[in-house]
Amino acid sequence: MGSGGARRTAVAMAALGSLTAAALAGCGSSAGDGADARGSGPGDKAGQASATADPTRIPDVGDRYQRLVPKDSRQVVAVYGDGPDSADATVVLYTKQGSAWHRDRSWAAHNGTKGWTADHRENDKRSPVGVFTLTDAGGVLPDPDTGKGLSYTRSASFAAPRWWEKSYWHDFDYVIAIDYNRVKGTPPNDPTRPRGASKGGGIWLHMDHGSGTSACVSLPKPGMEYLLRALDPDAHPVVVMGDKARLKA
């Protein structure tokens, strides 16, 4: 994994108990470095005006969070939450060319069912606000990328329990770990929590089921496939995520 395009693909089959444990460990039910939408997508005039005014800045992100984006990062996944207590969001992928950020794609998305927090706790049903690296991915399905994308672990252990509602069964077909309270370089469903279990973990980008999540950010399948193909560890991708008002502060 890491730079140079090295990749890891692991294929594993697990018993039902393992499937359950892994699925429940994901999406903020218990899991990164970071700090403390329906937002501005490509067709949003305000977002375009911001980008035009200063293309060296990520649109609608204030100084506090702009400063947290690593200087060597050339890919940003921005999650613009509709409001502090809303589960609706917009995800926009920005790529840096020279000193300027350019919109690539955007998707309607969902975040935690209770909105956002700068102090995420286990099972609070809110997504953590901040800037976090993106280093590891995985899922039930094969890696859609054949190039030098994020390290990818394919395993049946990602499968959602079949006693969940059917609309949730494919949530973890594709996942990208958000490096919040986790160990980089491990599969997204690794249960290690460096900051302790009380701070939650297992915060992922994953496939959408049409409503809010436990704390993750969910996108439609085409969006997840696109991100898995586009994100390049050599570009040091990060996610900038939060409700719009807080991100602008």
C-alpha atoms as a PDB file:
ATOM      1  CA  MET A   1       0.000   0.000   0.000  1.00  0.00           C
ATOM      2  CA  GLY A   2       0.983   3.657   0.057  1.00  0.00           C
ATOM      3  CA  SER A   3       2.891   5.534  -2.627  1.00  0.00           C
ATOM      4  CA  GLY A   4       4.331   4.061  -5.792  1.00  0.00           C
ATOM      5  CA  GLY A   5       1.070   2.398  -6.679  1.00  0.00           C
ATOM      6  CA  ALA A   6       1.599  -0.697  -4.545  1.00  0.00           C
ATOM      7  CA  ARG A   7      -1.686  -2.436  -3.841  1.00  0.00           C
ATOM      8  CA  ARG A   8      -3.017  -5.092  -1.562  1.00  0.00           C
ATOM      9  CA  THR A   9      -6.045  -7.215  -2.403  1.00  0.00           C
ATOM     10  CA  ALA A  10      -7.136  -9.762   0.125  1.00  0.00           C
ATOM     11  CA  VAL A  11      -9.998 -12.181  -0.496  1.00  0.00           C
ATOM     12  CA  ALA A  12     -11.525 -13.850   2.510  1.00  0.00           C
ATOM     13  CA  MET A  13     -14.650 -15.810   3.324  1.00  0.00           C
ATOM     14  CA  ALA A  14     -16.087 -15.730   6.799  1.00  0.00           C
ATOM     15  CA  ALA A  15     -18.709 -17.545   8.849  1.00  0.00           C
ATOM     16  CA  LEU A  16     -21.930 -15.725   9.714  1.00  0.00           C
ATOM     17  CA  GLY A  17     -20.614 -14.678  13.118  1.00  0.00           C
ATOM     18  CA  SER A  18     -17.576 -13.037  11.529  1.00  0.00           C
ATOM     19  CA  LEU A  19     -19.752 -11.285   8.976  1.00  0.00           C
ATOM     20  CA  THR A  20     -21.868  -9.847  11.746  1.00  0.00           C
ATOM     21  CA  ALA A  21     -18.963  -8.678  13.884  1.00  0.00           C
ATOM     22  CA  ALA A  22     -17.227  -6.965  10.983  1.00  0.00           C
ATOM     23  CA  ALA A  23     -20.344  -5.249   9.724  1.00  0.00           C
ATOM     24  CA  LEU A  24     -21.292  -3.982  13.167  1.00  0.00           C
ATOM     25  CA  ALA A  25     -17.745  -2.662  13.670  1.00  0.00           C
ATOM     26  CA  GLY A  26     -18.189  -0.390  10.663  1.00  0.00           C
ATOM     27  CA  CYS A  27     -19.985   2.869  10.054  1.00  0.00           C
ATOM     28  CA  GLY A  28     -19.371   4.466  13.422  1.00  0.00           C
ATOM     29  CA  SER A  29     -20.976   1.768  15.495  1.00  0.00           C
ATOM     30  CA  SER A  30     -17.972   1.512  17.800  1.00  0.00           C
ATOM     31  CA  ALA A  31     -14.348   3.459  14.635  1.00  0.00           C
ATOM     32  CA  GLY A  32      -7.440   8.366  11.372  1.00  0.00           C
ATOM     33  CA  ASP A  33      -5.887  11.182  11.817  1.00  0.00           C
ATOM     34  CA  GLY A  34      -7.802  14.406  11.674  1.00  0.00           C
ATOM     35  CA  ALA A  35      -8.840  17.538  13.358  1.00  0.00           C
ATOM     36  CA  ASP A  36     -11.183  19.206  14.495  1.00  0.00           C
ATOM     37  CA  ALA A  37     -24.294  18.018   1.998  1.00  0.00           C
ATOM     38  CA  ARG A  38     -26.720  19.322   0.215  1.00  0.00           C
ATOM     39  CA  GLY A  39     -23.795  21.718  -0.335  1.00  0.00           C
ATOM     40  CA  SER A  40     -22.208  23.441  -3.271  1.00  0.00           C
ATOM     41  CA  GLY A  41     -22.035  21.048  -6.184  1.00  0.00           C
ATOM     42  CA  PRO A  42     -20.772  21.740  -9.687  1.00  0.00           C
ATOM     43  CA  GLY A  43     -23.991  23.494 -10.691  1.00  0.00           C
ATOM     44  CA  ASP A  44     -24.181  25.695  -7.618  1.00  0.00           C
ATOM     45  CA  LYS A  45     -23.617  29.339  -8.589  1.00  0.00           C
ATOM     46  CA  ALA A  46     -22.405  30.381  -5.149  1.00  0.00           C
ATOM     47  CA  GLY A  47     -19.864  27.576  -5.160  1.00  0.00           C
ATOM     48  CA  GLN A  48     -18.707  28.542  -8.641  1.00  0.00           C
ATOM     49  CA  ALA A  49     -18.348  32.164  -7.564  1.00  0.00           C
ATOM     50  CA  SER A  50     -16.202  31.098  -4.601  1.00  0.00           C
ATOM     51  CA  ALA A  51     -13.998  29.004  -6.844  1.00  0.00           C
ATOM     52  CA  THR A  52     -13.657  31.833  -9.339  1.00  0.00           C
ATOM     53  CA  ALA A  53     -12.803  34.357  -6.618  1.00  0.00           C
ATOM     54  CA  ASP A  54      -9.882  32.302  -5.294  1.00  0.00           C
ATOM     55  CA  PRO A  55      -9.165  29.006  -7.087  1.00  0.00           C
ATOM     56  CA  THR A  56      -6.389  28.221  -4.607  1.00  0.00           C
ATOM     57  CA  ARG A  57      -9.025  27.595  -1.911  1.00  0.00           C
ATOM     58  CA  ILE A  58     -11.546  24.803  -1.561  1.00  0.00           C
ATOM     59  CA  PRO A  59     -14.963  26.438  -2.054  1.00  0.00           C
ATOM     60  CA  ASP A  60     -17.051  27.204   1.015  1.00  0.00           C
ATOM     61  CA  VAL A  61     -14.368  26.055   3.448  1.00  0.00           C
ATOM     62  CA  GLY A  62     -13.083  28.634   5.934  1.00  0.00           C
ATOM     63  CA  ASP A  63      -9.538  29.291   7.103  1.00  0.00           C
ATOM     64  CA  ARG A  64      -9.712  26.862  10.025  1.00  0.00           C
ATOM     65  CA  TYR A  65     -10.259  23.814   7.836  1.00  0.00           C
ATOM     66  CA  GLN A  66      -8.340  25.094   4.806  1.00  0.00           C
ATOM     67  CA  ARG A  67      -5.225  25.123   7.005  1.00  0.00           C
ATOM     68  CA  LEU A  68      -5.763  21.492   7.976  1.00  0.00           C
ATOM     69  CA  VAL A  69      -5.559  20.247   4.375  1.00  0.00           C
ATOM     70  CA  PRO A  70      -1.980  18.940   3.938  1.00  0.00           C
ATOM     71  CA  LYS A  71       0.107  21.017   1.551  1.00  0.00           C
ATOM     72  CA  ASP A  72       0.964  17.916  -0.490  1.00  0.00           C
ATOM     73  CA  SER A  73      -2.682  16.900  -0.925  1.00  0.00           C
ATOM     74  CA  ARG A  74      -3.957  17.125  -4.510  1.00  0.00           C
ATOM     75  CA  GLN A  75      -7.316  15.428  -3.987  1.00  0.00           C
ATOM     76  CA  VAL A  76     -10.058  16.525  -1.593  1.00  0.00           C
ATOM     77  CA  VAL A  77     -13.392  14.829  -1.054  1.00  0.00           C
ATOM     78  CA  ALA A  78     -15.556  17.597   0.422  1.00  0.00           C
ATOM     79  CA  VAL A  79     -18.721  16.597   2.280  1.00  0.00           C
ATOM     80  CA  TYR A  80     -21.062  19.583   2.641  1.00  0.00           C
ATOM     81  CA  GLY A  81     -23.792  18.757   5.155  1.00  0.00           C
ATOM     82  CA  ASP A  82     -27.112  20.559   4.814  1.00  0.00           C
ATOM     83  CA  GLY A  83     -27.206  21.495   8.490  1.00  0.00           C
ATOM     84  CA  PRO A  84     -25.861  20.573  11.924  1.00  0.00           C
ATOM     85  CA  ASP A  85     -28.813  18.233  12.599  1.00  0.00           C
ATOM     86  CA  SER A  86     -29.483  17.097   9.021  1.00  0.00           C
ATOM     87  CA  ALA A  87     -28.643  13.732   7.458  1.00  0.00           C
ATOM     88  CA  ASP A  88     -28.530  15.178   3.916  1.00  0.00           C
ATOM     89  CA  ALA A  89     -25.275  16.177   2.260  1.00  0.00           C
ATOM     90  CA  THR A  90     -23.471  16.685  -1.033  1.00  0.00           C
ATOM     91  CA  VAL A  91     -20.088  15.137  -1.780  1.00  0.00           C
ATOM     92  CA  VAL A  92     -17.755  16.930  -4.199  1.00  0.00           C
ATOM     93  CA  LEU A  93     -14.408  15.629  -5.449  1.00  0.00           C
ATOM     94  CA  TYR A  94     -11.827  18.367  -6.045  1.00  0.00           C
ATOM     95  CA  THR A  95      -8.485  17.865  -7.736  1.00  0.00           C
ATOM     96  CA  LYS A  96      -5.554  20.248  -7.591  1.00  0.00           C
ATOM     97  CA  GLN A  97      -3.840  21.315 -10.786  1.00  0.00           C
ATOM     98  CA  GLY A  98      -0.892  23.587 -10.123  1.00  0.00           C
ATOM     99  CA  SER A  99      -2.122  25.858  -7.345  1.00  0.00           C
ATOM    100  CA  ALA A 100      -5.809  25.725  -8.313  1.00  0.00           C
ATOM    101  CA  TRP A 101      -8.567  23.404  -7.116  1.00  0.00           C
ATOM    102  CA  HIS A 102     -10.991  22.125  -9.755  1.00  0.00           C
ATOM    103  CA  ARG A 103     -14.348  20.425  -9.339  1.00  0.00           C
ATOM    104  CA  ASP A 104     -14.368  16.916 -10.706  1.00  0.00           C
ATOM    105  CA  ARG A 105     -17.696  15.266  -9.783  1.00  0.00           C
ATOM    106  CA  SER A 106     -20.426  15.602  -7.175  1.00  0.00           C
ATOM    107  CA  TRP A 107     -23.115  13.347  -5.706  1.00  0.00           C
ATOM    108  CA  ALA A 108     -26.091  13.640  -3.357  1.00  0.00           C
ATOM    109  CA  ALA A 109     -25.173  11.855  -0.133  1.00  0.00           C
ATOM    110  CA  HIS A 110     -26.106  11.160   3.487  1.00  0.00           C
ATOM    111  CA  ASN A 111     -24.291  11.501   6.801  1.00  0.00           C
ATOM    112  CA  GLY A 112     -25.209  10.585  10.392  1.00  0.00           C
ATOM    113  CA  THR A 113     -28.931  10.482  11.085  1.00  0.00           C
ATOM    114  CA  LYS A 114     -28.584  13.166  13.791  1.00  0.00           C
ATOM    115  CA  GLY A 115     -26.218  15.368  11.777  1.00  0.00           C
ATOM    116  CA  TRP A 116     -22.701  16.476  12.729  1.00  0.00           C
ATOM    117  CA  THR A 117     -20.458  16.938  15.765  1.00  0.00           C
ATOM    118  CA  ALA A 118     -16.961  18.225  16.520  1.00  0.00           C
ATOM    119  CA  ASP A 119     -16.781  15.737  19.419  1.00  0.00           C
ATOM    120  CA  HIS A 120     -17.920  12.404  18.010  1.00  0.00           C
ATOM    121  CA  ARG A 121     -18.795   9.672  20.507  1.00  0.00           C
ATOM    122  CA  GLU A 122     -19.680   6.042  20.001  1.00  0.00           C
ATOM    123  CA  ASN A 123     -23.283   5.576  18.861  1.00  0.00           C
ATOM    124  CA  ASP A 124     -24.129   9.284  18.895  1.00  0.00           C
ATOM    125  CA  LYS A 125     -25.428   8.956  15.314  1.00  0.00           C
ATOM    126  CA  ARG A 126     -23.500  12.082  14.258  1.00  0.00           C
ATOM    127  CA  SER A 127     -20.674  12.281  11.735  1.00  0.00           C
ATOM    128  CA  PRO A 128     -17.390  13.818  12.913  1.00  0.00           C
ATOM    129  CA  VAL A 129     -16.482  17.256  11.572  1.00  0.00           C
ATOM    130  CA  GLY A 130     -12.907  17.666  10.402  1.00  0.00           C
ATOM    131  CA  VAL A 131     -10.183  16.904   7.874  1.00  0.00           C
ATOM    132  CA  PHE A 132      -9.104  13.271   7.672  1.00  0.00           C
ATOM    133  CA  THR A 133      -6.798  11.300   5.404  1.00  0.00           C
ATOM    134  CA  LEU A 134      -8.032   8.527   3.096  1.00  0.00           C
ATOM    135  CA  THR A 135      -5.647   5.580   2.859  1.00  0.00           C
ATOM    136  CA  ASP A 136      -7.516   2.256   2.832  1.00  0.00           C
ATOM    137  CA  ALA A 137     -10.544   0.776   1.115  1.00  0.00           C
ATOM    138  CA  GLY A 138     -12.339  -2.528   0.769  1.00  0.00           C
ATOM    139  CA  GLY A 139     -15.676  -4.225   0.456  1.00  0.00           C
ATOM    140  CA  VAL A 140     -17.607  -7.300  -0.548  1.00  0.00           C
ATOM    141  CA  LEU A 141     -17.147  -6.625  -4.267  1.00  0.00           C
ATOM    142  CA  PRO A 142     -13.901  -6.716  -6.260  1.00  0.00           C
ATOM    143  CA  ASP A 143     -11.859  -3.520  -6.445  1.00  0.00           C
ATOM    144  CA  PRO A 144     -13.207  -1.519  -9.420  1.00  0.00           C
ATOM    145  CA  ASP A 145      -9.794   0.074  -9.896  1.00  0.00           C
ATOM    146  CA  THR A 146      -6.990  -1.612 -11.826  1.00  0.00           C
ATOM    147  CA  GLY A 147      -4.446   1.151 -11.454  1.00  0.00           C
ATOM    148  CA  LYS A 148      -2.673   2.511  -8.398  1.00  0.00           C
ATOM    149  CA  GLY A 149      -5.604   3.380  -6.206  1.00  0.00           C
ATOM    150  CA  LEU A 150      -6.060   3.034  -2.472  1.00  0.00           C
ATOM    151  CA  SER A 151      -5.063  -0.199  -0.796  1.00  0.00           C
ATOM    152  CA  TYR A 152      -8.123  -2.479  -1.137  1.00  0.00           C
ATOM    153  CA  THR A 153      -9.193  -5.460   0.951  1.00  0.00           C
ATOM    154  CA  ARG A 154     -11.925  -7.614  -0.539  1.00  0.00           C
ATOM    155  CA  SER A 155     -13.673  -9.791   2.022  1.00  0.00           C
ATOM    156  CA  ALA A 156     -17.079 -11.298   2.725  1.00  0.00           C
ATOM    157  CA  SER A 157     -16.578 -10.067   6.282  1.00  0.00           C
ATOM    158  CA  PHE A 158     -17.779  -6.635   5.142  1.00  0.00           C
ATOM    159  CA  ALA A 159     -21.274  -7.951   4.380  1.00  0.00           C
ATOM    160  CA  ALA A 160     -24.119  -6.379   6.345  1.00  0.00           C
ATOM    161  CA  PRO A 161     -26.071  -8.809   8.573  1.00  0.00           C
ATOM    162  CA  ARG A 162     -29.095 -10.251   6.808  1.00  0.00           C
ATOM    163  CA  TRP A 163     -31.367  -9.365   9.720  1.00  0.00           C
ATOM    164  CA  TRP A 164     -30.877  -5.697   8.779  1.00  0.00           C
ATOM    165  CA  GLU A 165     -33.468  -4.218   6.445  1.00  0.00           C
ATOM    166  CA  LYS A 166     -32.891  -5.381   2.884  1.00  0.00           C
ATOM    167  CA  SER A 167     -32.187  -1.829   1.714  1.00  0.00           C
ATOM    168  CA  TYR A 168     -29.024  -1.912   3.885  1.00  0.00           C
ATOM    169  CA  TRP A 169     -27.617  -5.214   2.621  1.00  0.00           C
ATOM    170  CA  HIS A 170     -25.313  -3.657   0.034  1.00  0.00           C
ATOM    171  CA  ASP A 171     -24.066  -0.713   2.111  1.00  0.00           C
ATOM    172  CA  PHE A 172     -20.589  -2.187   2.435  1.00  0.00           C
ATOM    173  CA  ASP A 173     -20.132  -3.591  -1.063  1.00  0.00           C
ATOM    174  CA  TYR A 174     -17.622  -0.731  -1.402  1.00  0.00           C
ATOM    175  CA  VAL A 175     -16.125   1.224   1.492  1.00  0.00           C
ATOM    176  CA  ILE A 176     -13.356   3.793   1.906  1.00  0.00           C
ATOM    177  CA  ALA A 177     -12.079   4.206   5.459  1.00  0.00           C
ATOM    178  CA  ILE A 178     -12.042   7.741   6.852  1.00  0.00           C
ATOM    179  CA  ASP A 179      -8.935   7.910   9.037  1.00  0.00           C
ATOM    180  CA  TYR A 180     -10.746   8.832  12.227  1.00  0.00           C
ATOM    181  CA  ASN A 181      -9.628   6.840  15.313  1.00  0.00           C
ATOM    182  CA  ARG A 182      -8.151   4.011  13.267  1.00  0.00           C
ATOM    183  CA  VAL A 183      -4.773   2.602  12.285  1.00  0.00           C
ATOM    184  CA  LYS A 184      -3.724   3.535   8.764  1.00  0.00           C
ATOM    185  CA  GLY A 185      -2.556   0.682   6.576  1.00  0.00           C
ATOM    186  CA  THR A 186      -5.112  -1.782   7.955  1.00  0.00           C
ATOM    187  CA  PRO A 187      -8.384  -2.985   6.385  1.00  0.00           C
ATOM    188  CA  PRO A 188     -11.297  -0.604   6.983  1.00  0.00           C
ATOM    189  CA  ASN A 189     -12.974  -3.105   9.321  1.00  0.00           C
ATOM    190  CA  ASP A 190      -9.945  -3.480  11.597  1.00  0.00           C
ATOM    191  CA  PRO A 191     -11.383  -2.846  15.100  1.00  0.00           C
ATOM    192  CA  THR A 192      -8.350  -1.068  16.612  1.00  0.00           C
ATOM    193  CA  ARG A 193      -9.301   2.306  18.155  1.00  0.00           C
ATOM    194  CA  PRO A 194      -6.133   4.263  19.128  1.00  0.00           C
ATOM    195  CA  ARG A 195      -8.137   6.946  20.983  1.00  0.00           C
ATOM    196  CA  GLY A 196     -10.324   4.415  22.785  1.00  0.00           C
ATOM    197  CA  ALA A 197     -13.716   2.893  22.073  1.00  0.00           C
ATOM    198  CA  SER A 198     -15.640   5.829  23.554  1.00  0.00           C
ATOM    199  CA  LYS A 199     -14.523   8.059  20.666  1.00  0.00           C
ATOM    200  CA  GLY A 200     -16.201   5.759  18.159  1.00  0.00           C
ATOM    201  CA  GLY A 201     -14.715   4.592  14.910  1.00  0.00           C
ATOM    202  CA  GLY A 202     -15.428   2.642  11.747  1.00  0.00           C
ATOM    203  CA  ILE A 203     -16.293   5.896   9.945  1.00  0.00           C
ATOM    204  CA  TRP A 204     -16.469   5.118   6.240  1.00  0.00           C
ATOM    205  CA  LEU A 205     -17.528   6.389   2.873  1.00  0.00           C
ATOM    206  CA  HIS A 206     -19.849   3.622   1.702  1.00  0.00           C
ATOM    207  CA  MET A 207     -22.818   2.886  -0.531  1.00  0.00           C
ATOM    208  CA  ASP A 208     -26.074   4.706   0.098  1.00  0.00           C
ATOM    209  CA  HIS A 209     -29.363   3.144   1.234  1.00  0.00           C
ATOM    210  CA  GLY A 210     -31.402   6.324   0.880  1.00  0.00           C
ATOM    211  CA  SER A 211     -31.291   7.742   4.401  1.00  0.00           C
ATOM    212  CA  GLY A 212     -28.967   8.721   7.259  1.00  0.00           C
ATOM    213  CA  THR A 213     -26.208   6.523   8.652  1.00  0.00           C
ATOM    214  CA  SER A 214     -24.731   5.640  12.049  1.00  0.00           C
ATOM    215  CA  ALA A 215     -21.932   8.193  11.429  1.00  0.00           C
ATOM    216  CA  CYS A 216     -20.582   7.367   7.983  1.00  0.00           C
ATOM    217  CA  VAL A 217     -21.038   9.220   4.699  1.00  0.00           C
ATOM    218  CA  SER A 218     -22.943   7.289   2.041  1.00  0.00           C
ATOM    219  CA  LEU A 219     -22.916   7.776  -1.743  1.00  0.00           C
ATOM    220  CA  PRO A 220     -24.641   6.070  -4.680  1.00  0.00           C
ATOM    221  CA  LYS A 221     -22.793   3.112  -6.167  1.00  0.00           C
ATOM    222  CA  PRO A 222     -21.502   5.061  -9.218  1.00  0.00           C
ATOM    223  CA  GLY A 223     -19.993   7.630  -6.847  1.00  0.00           C
ATOM    224  CA  MET A 224     -18.182   4.987  -4.806  1.00  0.00           C
ATOM    225  CA  GLU A 225     -16.891   3.316  -7.956  1.00  0.00           C
ATOM    226  CA  TYR A 226     -15.680   6.654  -9.290  1.00  0.00           C
ATOM    227  CA  LEU A 227     -13.859   7.543  -6.068  1.00  0.00           C
ATOM    228  CA  LEU A 228     -12.207   4.125  -5.870  1.00  0.00           C
ATOM    229  CA  ARG A 229     -10.906   4.585  -9.407  1.00  0.00           C
ATOM    230  CA  ALA A 230      -9.919   8.234  -8.960  1.00  0.00           C
ATOM    231  CA  LEU A 231      -8.303   8.435  -5.529  1.00  0.00           C
ATOM    232  CA  ASP A 232      -4.538   8.058  -5.753  1.00  0.00           C
ATOM    233  CA  PRO A 233      -2.348   7.564  -2.661  1.00  0.00           C
ATOM    234  CA  ASP A 234       0.400   9.565  -4.388  1.00  0.00           C
ATOM    235  CA  ALA A 235      -2.008  12.547  -4.381  1.00  0.00           C
ATOM    236  CA  HIS A 236      -2.463  12.246  -0.577  1.00  0.00           C
ATOM    237  CA  PRO A 237      -6.269  12.397  -0.658  1.00  0.00           C
ATOM    238  CA  VAL A 238      -8.226  13.749   2.306  1.00  0.00           C
ATOM    239  CA  VAL A 239     -11.868  14.245   3.199  1.00  0.00           C
ATOM    240  CA  VAL A 240     -13.074  17.629   4.470  1.00  0.00           C
ATOM    241  CA  MET A 241     -16.430  17.016   6.106  1.00  0.00           C
ATOM    242  CA  GLY A 242     -19.043  18.816   8.170  1.00  0.00           C
ATOM    243  CA  ASP A 243     -22.186  20.886   8.007  1.00  0.00           C
ATOM    244  CA  LYS A 244     -21.882  23.877   5.694  1.00  0.00           C
ATOM    245  CA  ALA A 245     -22.020  26.539   8.397  1.00  0.00           C
ATOM    246  CA  ARG A 246     -19.271  24.938  10.462  1.00  0.00           C
ATOM    247  CA  LEU A 247     -17.030  24.323   7.441  1.00  0.00           C
ATOM    248  CA  LYS A 248     -17.236  28.000   6.502  1.00  0.00           C
ATOM    249  CA  ALA A 249     -16.240  29.178   9.984  1.00  0.00           C
END
